[in-house]
C-alpha atoms as a PDB file:
ATOM      1  CA  LEU A   1      20.448  -0.854   7.840  1.00  0.00           C
ATOM      2  CA  LYS A   2      21.713   2.699   7.603  1.00  0.00           C
ATOM      3  CA  GLU A   3      18.817   3.348   5.221  1.00  0.00           C
ATOM      4  CA  ILE A   4      16.309   2.262   7.863  1.00  0.00           C
ATOM      5  CA  VAL A   5      17.818   3.247  11.225  1.00  0.00           C
ATOM      6  CA  GLU A   6      18.047   6.894  12.189  1.00  0.00           C
ATOM      7  CA  GLU A   7      20.907   7.281  14.671  1.00  0.00           C
ATOM      8  CA  GLY A   8      19.640   8.168  18.127  1.00  0.00           C
ATOM      9  CA  LYS A   9      16.009   8.242  17.015  1.00  0.00           C
ATOM     10  CA  THR A  10      15.138   4.703  15.908  1.00  0.00           C
ATOM     11  CA  GLY A  11      18.328   2.959  16.995  1.00  0.00           C
ATOM     12  CA  VAL A  12      22.071   3.266  17.363  1.00  0.00           C
ATOM     13  CA  PHE A  13      25.037   2.189  15.291  1.00  0.00           C
ATOM     14  CA  PHE A  14      28.344   0.704  16.353  1.00  0.00           C
ATOM     15  CA  ASN A  15      31.473   0.040  14.353  1.00  0.00           C
ATOM     16  CA  ALA A  16      31.176  -3.447  12.858  1.00  0.00           C
ATOM     17  CA  GLY A  17      33.620  -5.851  14.436  1.00  0.00           C
ATOM     18  CA  ASP A  18      34.503  -3.397  17.220  1.00  0.00           C
ATOM     19  CA  ILE A  19      33.536  -5.164  20.419  1.00  0.00           C
ATOM     20  CA  SER A  20      34.606  -2.199  22.557  1.00  0.00           C
ATOM     21  CA  ASP A  21      32.357   0.169  20.610  1.00  0.00           C
ATOM     22  CA  LEU A  22      29.432  -2.263  20.882  1.00  0.00           C
ATOM     23  CA  ALA A  23      29.988  -2.620  24.645  1.00  0.00           C
ATOM     24  CA  ARG A  24      30.160   1.163  25.042  1.00  0.00           C
ATOM     25  CA  LYS A  25      26.904   1.657  23.113  1.00  0.00           C
ATOM     26  CA  ILE A  26      25.158  -1.034  25.144  1.00  0.00           C
ATOM     27  CA  GLY A  27      26.395   0.603  28.349  1.00  0.00           C
ATOM     28  CA  GLU A  28      25.034   3.960  27.204  1.00  0.00           C
ATOM     29  CA  LEU A  29      21.666   2.376  26.437  1.00  0.00           C
ATOM     30  CA  ILE A  30      21.521   0.667  29.826  1.00  0.00           C
ATOM     31  CA  GLN A  31      22.087   4.055  31.467  1.00  0.00           C
ATOM     32  CA  SER A  32      19.285   5.670  29.417  1.00  0.00           C
ATOM     33  CA  PRO A  33      16.170   3.473  29.632  1.00  0.00           C
ATOM     34  CA  GLN A  34      13.858   6.384  28.750  1.00  0.00           C
ATOM     35  CA  ASP A  35      15.861   7.069  25.570  1.00  0.00           C
ATOM     36  CA  VAL A  36      15.644   3.369  24.669  1.00  0.00           C
ATOM     37  CA  LYS A  37      11.875   3.433  25.195  1.00  0.00           C
ATOM     38  CA  GLU A  38      11.537   6.514  22.972  1.00  0.00           C
ATOM     39  CA  MET A  39      13.721   4.956  20.260  1.00  0.00           C
ATOM     40  CA  GLY A  40      11.511   1.873  20.366  1.00  0.00           C
ATOM     41  CA  LEU A  41       8.379   3.995  19.966  1.00  0.00           C
ATOM     42  CA  HIS A  42       9.919   5.926  17.057  1.00  0.00           C
ATOM     43  CA  ALA A  43      11.082   2.705  15.419  1.00  0.00           C
ATOM     44  CA  ARG A  44       7.615   1.171  15.726  1.00  0.00           C
ATOM     45  CA  ARG A  45       5.965   4.274  14.292  1.00  0.00           C
ATOM     46  CA  ASN A  46       8.465   4.297  11.425  1.00  0.00           C
ATOM     47  CA  PHE A  47       7.761   0.631  10.727  1.00  0.00           C
ATOM     48  CA  GLU A  48       4.009   1.146  10.729  1.00  0.00           C
ATOM     49  CA  GLU A  49       4.316   4.123   8.372  1.00  0.00           C
ATOM     50  CA  GLN A  50       6.717   2.516   5.889  1.00  0.00           C
ATOM     51  CA  TYR A  51       7.198  -1.234   6.191  1.00  0.00           C
ATOM     52  CA  THR A  52       3.947  -3.029   6.974  1.00  0.00           C
ATOM     53  CA  LEU A  53       2.683  -5.779   4.698  1.00  0.00           C
ATOM     54  CA  ASP A  54       0.030  -3.435   3.290  1.00  0.00           C
ATOM     55  CA  LYS A  55       2.637  -0.749   2.477  1.00  0.00           C
ATOM     56  CA  ASN A  56       4.899  -3.295   0.815  1.00  0.00           C
ATOM     57  CA  MET A  57       2.020  -4.677  -1.245  1.00  0.00           C
ATOM     58  CA  VAL A  58       1.256  -1.181  -2.554  1.00  0.00           C
ATOM     59  CA  LEU A  59       4.914  -0.676  -3.494  1.00  0.00           C
ATOM     60  CA  LEU A  60       5.081  -4.069  -5.173  1.00  0.00           C
ATOM     61  CA  GLU A  61       1.898  -3.391  -7.144  1.00  0.00           C
ATOM     62  CA  GLU A  62       3.374  -0.073  -8.299  1.00  0.00           C
ATOM     63  CA  ILE A  63       6.491  -1.867  -9.513  1.00  0.00           C
ATOM     64  CA  TYR A  64       4.377  -4.379 -11.412  1.00  0.00           C
ATOM     65  CA  GLN A  65       2.255  -1.646 -12.954  1.00  0.00           C
ATOM     66  CA  LYS A  66       5.327   0.234 -14.166  1.00  0.00           C
ATOM     67  CA  THR A  67       6.720  -2.979 -15.609  1.00  0.00           C
ATOM     68  CA  LEU A  68       3.533  -3.686 -17.565  1.00  0.00           C
ATOM     69  CA  ILE A  69       3.405  -0.274 -19.185  1.00  0.00           C
END
């Protein structure tokens, strides 16, 4: 998801398989509810701008059109 998530803006990353890192990140998020709320708003806006069904249909139609040419 590194292509989708922007660190600190639309989410946070942790080292895969590192339970301590995950726990630390969760602890940081619990201490920063306003930051979590803002990340959620940014993530929603990003989704609505890039990943809705309508957006994906347009992209899929473009792929089909290029294939037919």
